[in-house]
PDB file of N, CA and C in Angstrom:
ATOM      1  N   MET A   1     214.236 -38.019 144.326  1.00  0.00           N
ATOM      2  CA  MET A   1     215.192 -36.950 144.278  1.00  0.00           C
ATOM      3  C   MET A   1     214.471 -35.564 144.342  1.00  0.00           C
ATOM      4  N   LEU A   2     213.292 -35.492 143.699  1.00  0.00           N
ATOM      5  CA  LEU A   2     212.585 -34.200 143.701  1.00  0.00           C
ATOM      6  C   LEU A   2     212.062 -33.792 145.048  1.00  0.00           C
ATOM      7  N   ASN A   3     211.782 -34.753 145.920  1.00  0.00           N
ATOM      8  CA  ASN A   3     211.242 -34.468 147.214  1.00  0.00           C
ATOM      9  C   ASN A   3     212.303 -34.231 148.276  1.00  0.00           C
ATOM     10  N   LYS A   4     213.545 -34.452 147.955  1.00  0.00           N
ATOM     11  CA  LYS A   4     214.605 -34.254 148.918  1.00  0.00           C
ATOM     12  C   LYS A   4     214.947 -32.770 148.996  1.00  0.00           C
ATOM     13  N   HIS A   5     215.381 -32.328 150.159  1.00  0.00           N
ATOM     14  CA  HIS A   5     215.789 -30.955 150.350  1.00  0.00           C
ATOM     15  C   HIS A   5     217.181 -30.721 149.773  1.00  0.00           C
ATOM     16  N   GLU A   6     217.940 -31.770 149.745  1.00  0.00           N
ATOM     17  CA  GLU A   6     219.297 -31.677 149.209  1.00  0.00           C
ATOM     18  C   GLU A   6     219.520 -32.812 148.201  1.00  0.00           C
ATOM     19  N   VAL A   7     220.321 -32.544 147.213  1.00  0.00           N
ATOM     20  CA  VAL A   7     220.670 -33.565 146.242  1.00  0.00           C
ATOM     21  C   VAL A   7     222.037 -34.115 146.640  1.00  0.00           C
ATOM     22  N   GLY A   8     222.147 -35.403 146.751  1.00  0.00           N
ATOM     23  CA  GLY A   8     223.410 -35.988 147.164  1.00  0.00           C
ATOM     24  C   GLY A   8     224.326 -36.193 145.948  1.00  0.00           C
ATOM     25  N   LEU A   9     225.238 -35.255 145.728  1.00  0.00           N
ATOM     26  CA  LEU A   9     226.188 -35.371 144.633  1.00  0.00           C
ATOM     27  C   LEU A   9     227.585 -35.560 145.194  1.00  0.00           C
ATOM     28  N   SER A  10     228.329 -36.398 144.550  1.00  0.00           N
ATOM     29  CA  SER A  10     229.725 -36.556 144.967  1.00  0.00           C
ATOM     30  C   SER A  10     230.507 -35.316 144.498  1.00  0.00           C
ATOM     31  N   GLU A  11     231.687 -35.183 145.005  1.00  0.00           N
ATOM     32  CA  GLU A  11     232.558 -34.038 144.573  1.00  0.00           C
ATOM     33  C   GLU A  11     232.868 -34.151 143.106  1.00  0.00           C
ATOM     34  N   ASP A  12     233.075 -35.384 142.586  1.00  0.00           N
ATOM     35  CA  ASP A  12     233.336 -35.575 141.151  1.00  0.00           C
ATOM     36  C   ASP A  12     232.110 -35.147 140.343  1.00  0.00           C
ATOM     37  N   ASP A  13     230.905 -35.472 140.787  1.00  0.00           N
ATOM     38  CA  ASP A  13     229.708 -35.057 140.103  1.00  0.00           C
ATOM     39  C   ASP A  13     229.567 -33.532 140.093  1.00  0.00           C
ATOM     40  N   LYS A  14     229.879 -32.885 141.208  1.00  0.00           N
ATOM     41  CA  LYS A  14     229.806 -31.430 141.275  1.00  0.00           C
ATOM     42  C   LYS A  14     230.811 -30.808 140.311  1.00  0.00           C
ATOM     43  N   ILE A  15     232.003 -31.343 140.259  1.00  0.00           N
ATOM     44  CA  ILE A  15     233.034 -30.824 139.369  1.00  0.00           C
ATOM     45  C   ILE A  15     232.593 -30.987 137.900  1.00  0.00           C
ATOM     46  N   GLU A  16     232.032 -32.127 137.581  1.00  0.00           N
ATOM     47  CA  GLU A  16     231.576 -32.410 136.227  1.00  0.00           C
ATOM     48  C   GLU A  16     230.410 -31.488 135.850  1.00  0.00           C
ATOM     49  N   LEU A  17     229.457 -31.267 136.748  1.00  0.00           N
ATOM     50  CA  LEU A  17     228.333 -30.373 136.482  1.00  0.00           C
ATOM     51  C   LEU A  17     228.829 -28.937 136.283  1.00  0.00           C
ATOM     52  N   SER A  18     229.824 -28.559 137.072  1.00  0.00           N
ATOM     53  CA  SER A  18     230.388 -27.217 136.959  1.00  0.00           C
ATOM     54  C   SER A  18     231.062 -27.062 135.622  1.00  0.00           C
ATOM     55  N   ARG A  19     231.806 -28.087 135.194  1.00  0.00           N
ATOM     56  CA  ARG A  19     232.525 -28.035 133.892  1.00  0.00           C
ATOM     57  C   ARG A  19     231.522 -27.921 132.747  1.00  0.00           C
ATOM     58  N   ILE A  20     230.466 -28.727 132.826  1.00  0.00           N
ATOM     59  CA  ILE A  20     229.427 -28.705 131.762  1.00  0.00           C
ATOM     60  C   ILE A  20     228.711 -27.363 131.741  1.00  0.00           C
ATOM     61  N   GLY A  21     228.378 -26.814 132.910  1.00  0.00           N
ATOM     62  CA  GLY A  21     227.723 -25.495 132.957  1.00  0.00           C
ATOM     63  C   GLY A  21     228.579 -24.430 132.365  1.00  0.00           C
ATOM     64  N   LEU A  22     229.883 -24.451 132.692  1.00  0.00           N
ATOM     65  CA  LEU A  22     230.817 -23.468 132.136  1.00  0.00           C
ATOM     66  C   LEU A  22     230.924 -23.604 130.638  1.00  0.00           C
ATOM     67  N   GLU A  23     231.005 -24.824 130.139  1.00  0.00           N
ATOM     68  CA  GLU A  23     231.094 -25.075 128.734  1.00  0.00           C
ATOM     69  C   GLU A  23     229.863 -24.525 127.989  1.00  0.00           C
ATOM     70  N   ILE A  24     228.690 -24.770 128.533  1.00  0.00           N
ATOM     71  CA  ILE A  24     227.463 -24.294 127.897  1.00  0.00           C
ATOM     72  C   ILE A  24     227.425 -22.764 127.938  1.00  0.00           C
ATOM     73  N   ALA A  25     227.801 -22.171 129.059  1.00  0.00           N
ATOM     74  CA  ALA A  25     227.807 -20.712 129.191  1.00  0.00           C
ATOM     75  C   ALA A  25     228.749 -20.086 128.170  1.00  0.00           C
ATOM     76  N   GLU A  26     229.927 -20.701 127.949  1.00  0.00           N
ATOM     77  CA  GLU A  26     230.884 -20.179 126.959  1.00  0.00           C
ATOM     78  C   GLU A  26     230.320 -20.276 125.544  1.00  0.00           C
ATOM     79  N   ILE A  27     229.609 -21.383 125.271  1.00  0.00           N
ATOM     80  CA  ILE A  27     229.017 -21.526 123.936  1.00  0.00           C
ATOM     81  C   ILE A  27     227.919 -20.471 123.740  1.00  0.00           C
ATOM     82  N   VAL A  28     227.073 -20.289 124.719  1.00  0.00           N
ATOM     83  CA  VAL A  28     225.987 -19.318 124.626  1.00  0.00           C
ATOM     84  C   VAL A  28     226.590 -17.907 124.384  1.00  0.00           C
ATOM     85  N   TYR A  29     227.615 -17.593 125.151  1.00  0.00           N
ATOM     86  CA  TYR A  29     228.268 -16.284 125.040  1.00  0.00           C
ATOM     87  C   TYR A  29     228.882 -16.099 123.632  1.00  0.00           C
ATOM     88  N   THR A  30     229.597 -17.106 123.166  1.00  0.00           N
ATOM     89  CA  THR A  30     230.266 -17.020 121.876  1.00  0.00           C
ATOM     90  C   THR A  30     229.247 -16.873 120.750  1.00  0.00           C
ATOM     91  N   VAL A  31     228.191 -17.685 120.775  1.00  0.00           N
ATOM     92  CA  VAL A  31     227.157 -17.615 119.718  1.00  0.00           C
ATOM     93  C   VAL A  31     226.449 -16.257 119.794  1.00  0.00           C
ATOM     94  N   ALA A  32     226.124 -15.819 120.978  1.00  0.00           N
ATOM     95  CA  ALA A  32     225.448 -14.513 121.151  1.00  0.00           C
ATOM     96  C   ALA A  32     226.320 -13.367 120.659  1.00  0.00           C
ATOM     97  N   GLU A  33     227.585 -13.425 120.969  1.00  0.00           N
ATOM     98  CA  GLU A  33     228.516 -12.370 120.525  1.00  0.00           C
ATOM     99  C   GLU A  33     228.552 -12.311 119.018  1.00  0.00           C
ATOM    100  N   SER A  34     228.673 -13.474 118.371  1.00  0.00           N
ATOM    101  CA  SER A  34     228.773 -13.460 116.902  1.00  0.00           C
ATOM    102  C   SER A  34     227.429 -13.067 116.272  1.00  0.00           C
ATOM    103  N   ARG A  35     226.328 -13.466 116.861  1.00  0.00           N
ATOM    104  CA  ARG A  35     225.011 -13.212 116.309  1.00  0.00           C
ATOM    105  C   ARG A  35     224.577 -11.756 116.499  1.00  0.00           C
ATOM    106  N   PHE A  36     224.896 -11.171 117.653  1.00  0.00           N
ATOM    107  CA  PHE A  36     224.344  -9.863 117.994  1.00  0.00           C
ATOM    108  C   PHE A  36     225.397  -8.754 118.104  1.00  0.00           C
ATOM    109  N   ALA A  37     226.612  -9.023 117.597  1.00  0.00           N
ATOM    110  CA  ALA A  37     227.694  -8.061 117.733  1.00  0.00           C
ATOM    111  C   ALA A  37     227.339  -6.730 117.045  1.00  0.00           C
ATOM    112  N   SER A  38     226.655  -6.789 115.932  1.00  0.00           N
ATOM    113  CA  SER A  38     226.358  -5.568 115.182  1.00  0.00           C
ATOM    114  C   SER A  38     225.120  -4.852 115.711  1.00  0.00           C
ATOM    115  N   ASP A  39     224.313  -5.533 116.524  1.00  0.00           N
ATOM    116  CA  ASP A  39     223.132  -4.906 117.117  1.00  0.00           C
ATOM    117  C   ASP A  39     223.591  -4.168 118.379  1.00  0.00           C
ATOM    118  N   ASN A  40     222.845  -3.164 118.704  1.00  0.00           N
ATOM    119  CA  ASN A  40     223.144  -2.426 119.938  1.00  0.00           C
ATOM    120  C   ASN A  40     222.244  -2.922 121.066  1.00  0.00           C
ATOM    121  N   LYS A  41     222.017  -4.224 121.111  1.00  0.00           N
ATOM    122  CA  LYS A  41     221.168  -4.796 122.128  1.00  0.00           C
ATOM    123  C   LYS A  41     222.019  -5.294 123.291  1.00  0.00           C
ATOM    124  N   GLY A  42     221.500  -5.149 124.493  1.00  0.00           N
ATOM    125  CA  GLY A  42     222.167  -5.726 125.624  1.00  0.00           C
ATOM    126  C   GLY A  42     221.691  -7.174 125.783  1.00  0.00           C
ATOM    127  N   TYR A  43     222.368  -7.933 126.614  1.00  0.00           N
ATOM    128  CA  TYR A  43     222.022  -9.356 126.780  1.00  0.00           C
ATOM    129  C   TYR A  43     220.634  -9.530 127.376  1.00  0.00           C
ATOM    130  N   LEU A  44     220.230  -8.665 128.264  1.00  0.00           N
ATOM    131  CA  LEU A  44     218.906  -8.787 128.857  1.00  0.00           C
ATOM    132  C   LEU A  44     217.829  -8.646 127.776  1.00  0.00           C
ATOM    133  N   ALA A  45     218.002  -7.680 126.869  1.00  0.00           N
ATOM    134  CA  ALA A  45     217.057  -7.510 125.774  1.00  0.00           C
ATOM    135  C   ALA A  45     217.002  -8.739 124.870  1.00  0.00           C
ATOM    136  N   ILE A  46     218.166  -9.346 124.612  1.00  0.00           N
ATOM    137  CA  ILE A  46     218.220 -10.516 123.758  1.00  0.00           C
ATOM    138  C   ILE A  46     217.480 -11.678 124.404  1.00  0.00           C
ATOM    139  N   PHE A  47     217.771 -11.949 125.670  1.00  0.00           N
ATOM    140  CA  PHE A  47     217.205 -13.103 126.336  1.00  0.00           C
ATOM    141  C   PHE A  47     215.746 -12.950 126.705  1.00  0.00           C
ATOM    142  N   ARG A  48     215.226 -11.764 126.629  1.00  0.00           N
ATOM    143  CA  ARG A  48     213.795 -11.515 126.893  1.00  0.00           C
ATOM    144  C   ARG A  48     212.981 -11.539 125.617  1.00  0.00           C
ATOM    145  N   ASN A  49     213.642 -11.590 124.465  1.00  0.00           N
ATOM    146  CA  ASN A  49     212.942 -11.492 123.172  1.00  0.00           C
ATOM    147  C   ASN A  49     212.951 -12.868 122.511  1.00  0.00           C
ATOM    148  N   ILE A  50     211.799 -13.504 122.363  1.00  0.00           N
ATOM    149  CA  ILE A  50     211.706 -14.821 121.807  1.00  0.00           C
ATOM    150  C   ILE A  50     212.250 -14.932 120.389  1.00  0.00           C
ATOM    151  N   THR A  51     212.112 -13.833 119.630  1.00  0.00           N
ATOM    152  CA  THR A  51     212.623 -13.864 118.261  1.00  0.00           C
ATOM    153  C   THR A  51     214.153 -13.846 118.229  1.00  0.00           C
ATOM    154  N   ASP A  52     214.786 -13.414 119.296  1.00  0.00           N
ATOM    155  CA  ASP A  52     216.239 -13.503 119.405  1.00  0.00           C
ATOM    156  C   ASP A  52     216.681 -14.824 120.046  1.00  0.00           C
ATOM    157  N   VAL A  53     215.917 -15.229 121.042  1.00  0.00           N
ATOM    158  CA  VAL A  53     216.284 -16.416 121.806  1.00  0.00           C
ATOM    159  C   VAL A  53     216.191 -17.724 121.004  1.00  0.00           C
ATOM    160  N   ASN A  54     215.135 -17.839 120.199  1.00  0.00           N
ATOM    161  CA  ASN A  54     214.965 -19.105 119.425  1.00  0.00           C
ATOM    162  C   ASN A  54     216.132 -19.376 118.491  1.00  0.00           C
ATOM    163  N   PRO A  55     216.556 -18.428 117.650  1.00  0.00           N
ATOM    164  CA  PRO A  55     217.711 -18.735 116.782  1.00  0.00           C
ATOM    165  C   PRO A  55     218.992 -18.952 117.594  1.00  0.00           C
ATOM    166  N   LEU A  56     219.165 -18.224 118.682  1.00  0.00           N
ATOM    167  CA  LEU A  56     220.295 -18.412 119.555  1.00  0.00           C
ATOM    168  C   LEU A  56     220.335 -19.816 120.114  1.00  0.00           C
ATOM    169  N   THR A  57     219.168 -20.242 120.624  1.00  0.00           N
ATOM    170  CA  THR A  57     219.048 -21.607 121.152  1.00  0.00           C
ATOM    171  C   THR A  57     219.368 -22.655 120.122  1.00  0.00           C
ATOM    172  N   ASN A  58     218.832 -22.469 118.913  1.00  0.00           N
ATOM    173  CA  ASN A  58     219.105 -23.421 117.827  1.00  0.00           C
ATOM    174  C   ASN A  58     220.586 -23.509 117.522  1.00  0.00           C
ATOM    175  N   GLU A  59     221.270 -22.366 117.460  1.00  0.00           N
ATOM    176  CA  GLU A  59     222.705 -22.372 117.171  1.00  0.00           C
ATOM    177  C   GLU A  59     223.502 -23.007 118.319  1.00  0.00           C
ATOM    178  N   VAL A  60     223.108 -22.749 119.532  1.00  0.00           N
ATOM    179  CA  VAL A  60     223.787 -23.371 120.679  1.00  0.00           C
ATOM    180  C   VAL A  60     223.602 -24.898 120.630  1.00  0.00           C
ATOM    181  N   MET A  61     222.418 -25.358 120.356  1.00  0.00           N
ATOM    182  CA  MET A  61     222.156 -26.801 120.257  1.00  0.00           C
ATOM    183  C   MET A  61     222.956 -27.424 119.146  1.00  0.00           C
ATOM    184  N   GLN A  62     223.038 -26.724 118.004  1.00  0.00           N
ATOM    185  CA  GLN A  62     223.840 -27.255 116.878  1.00  0.00           C
ATOM    186  C   GLN A  62     225.315 -27.364 117.288  1.00  0.00           C
ATOM    187  N   GLU A  63     225.828 -26.378 117.987  1.00  0.00           N
ATOM    188  CA  GLU A  63     227.206 -26.419 118.420  1.00  0.00           C
ATOM    189  C   GLU A  63     227.413 -27.569 119.426  1.00  0.00           C
ATOM    190  N   LEU A  64     226.486 -27.777 120.332  1.00  0.00           N
ATOM    191  CA  LEU A  64     226.602 -28.877 121.293  1.00  0.00           C
ATOM    192  C   LEU A  64     226.600 -30.227 120.550  1.00  0.00           C
ATOM    193  N   GLU A  65     225.712 -30.373 119.556  1.00  0.00           N
ATOM    194  CA  GLU A  65     225.662 -31.607 118.764  1.00  0.00           C
ATOM    195  C   GLU A  65     226.967 -31.796 118.004  1.00  0.00           C
ATOM    196  N   ARG A  66     227.512 -30.718 117.439  1.00  0.00           N
ATOM    197  CA  ARG A  66     228.772 -30.782 116.715  1.00  0.00           C
ATOM    198  C   ARG A  66     229.897 -31.269 117.645  1.00  0.00           C
ATOM    199  N   ARG A  67     229.916 -30.719 118.837  1.00  0.00           N
ATOM    200  CA  ARG A  67     230.986 -31.094 119.810  1.00  0.00           C
ATOM    201  C   ARG A  67     230.815 -32.535 120.242  1.00  0.00           C
ATOM    202  N   ASP A  68     229.581 -32.972 120.458  1.00  0.00           N
ATOM    203  CA  ASP A  68     229.329 -34.370 120.805  1.00  0.00           C
ATOM    204  C   ASP A  68     229.808 -35.275 119.712  1.00  0.00           C
ATOM    205  N   ALA A  69     229.451 -34.965 118.456  1.00  0.00           N
ATOM    206  CA  ALA A  69     229.882 -35.800 117.302  1.00  0.00           C
ATOM    207  C   ALA A  69     231.382 -35.826 117.219  1.00  0.00           C
ATOM    208  N   GLN A  70     232.046 -34.683 117.434  1.00  0.00           N
ATOM    209  CA  GLN A  70     233.485 -34.593 117.374  1.00  0.00           C
ATOM    210  C   GLN A  70     234.147 -35.454 118.488  1.00  0.00           C
ATOM    211  N   THR A  71     233.501 -35.467 119.662  1.00  0.00           N
ATOM    212  CA  THR A  71     234.019 -36.296 120.771  1.00  0.00           C
ATOM    213  C   THR A  71     233.884 -37.775 120.472  1.00  0.00           C
ATOM    214  N   GLU A  72     232.752 -38.126 119.891  1.00  0.00           N
ATOM    215  CA  GLU A  72     232.494 -39.535 119.559  1.00  0.00           C
ATOM    216  C   GLU A  72     233.381 -40.008 118.405  1.00  0.00           C
ATOM    217  N   ASN A  73     233.655 -39.140 117.451  1.00  0.00           N
ATOM    218  CA  ASN A  73     234.471 -39.502 116.317  1.00  0.00           C
ATOM    219  C   ASN A  73     235.458 -38.386 116.017  1.00  0.00           C
ATOM    220  N   PRO A  74     236.641 -38.435 116.587  1.00  0.00           N
ATOM    221  CA  PRO A  74     237.629 -37.395 116.398  1.00  0.00           C
ATOM    222  C   PRO A  74     238.101 -37.177 114.968  1.00  0.00           C
ATOM    223  N   ASN A  75     237.777 -38.104 114.051  1.00  0.00           N
ATOM    224  CA  ASN A  75     238.161 -37.970 112.679  1.00  0.00           C
ATOM    225  C   ASN A  75     237.252 -37.038 111.876  1.00  0.00           C
ATOM    226  N   ILE A  76     236.128 -36.585 112.491  1.00  0.00           N
ATOM    227  CA  ILE A  76     235.244 -35.647 111.820  1.00  0.00           C
ATOM    228  C   ILE A  76     235.966 -34.277 111.737  1.00  0.00           C
ATOM    229  N   PRO A  77     236.028 -33.705 110.549  1.00  0.00           N
ATOM    230  CA  PRO A  77     236.722 -32.412 110.445  1.00  0.00           C
ATOM    231  C   PRO A  77     235.955 -31.328 111.185  1.00  0.00           C
ATOM    232  N   THR A  78     236.648 -30.429 111.821  1.00  0.00           N
ATOM    233  CA  THR A  78     236.010 -29.285 112.483  1.00  0.00           C
ATOM    234  C   THR A  78     235.780 -28.171 111.468  1.00  0.00           C
ATOM    235  N   VAL A  79     234.731 -27.398 111.728  1.00  0.00           N
ATOM    236  CA  VAL A  79     234.367 -26.335 110.805  1.00  0.00           C
ATOM    237  C   VAL A  79     234.715 -25.014 111.415  1.00  0.00           C
TER     238      VAL A  79
END
């Protein structure tokens, strides 16, 4: 796959990848908004600064794990 010029994805695969990408983008945006709302930093400054990116990444990963757990077991209470 790495040596191919094109990746052969079905339309369903493309739709699913698009959905997942949008979901992750929305989570990153939501977490960044809540974390940096009081700072006067722009997004470029946040994403170029490792001390901002690491906690943001950790929170995004925690949210993805929470959503995965919720999907696997809908009886888990949401926070």
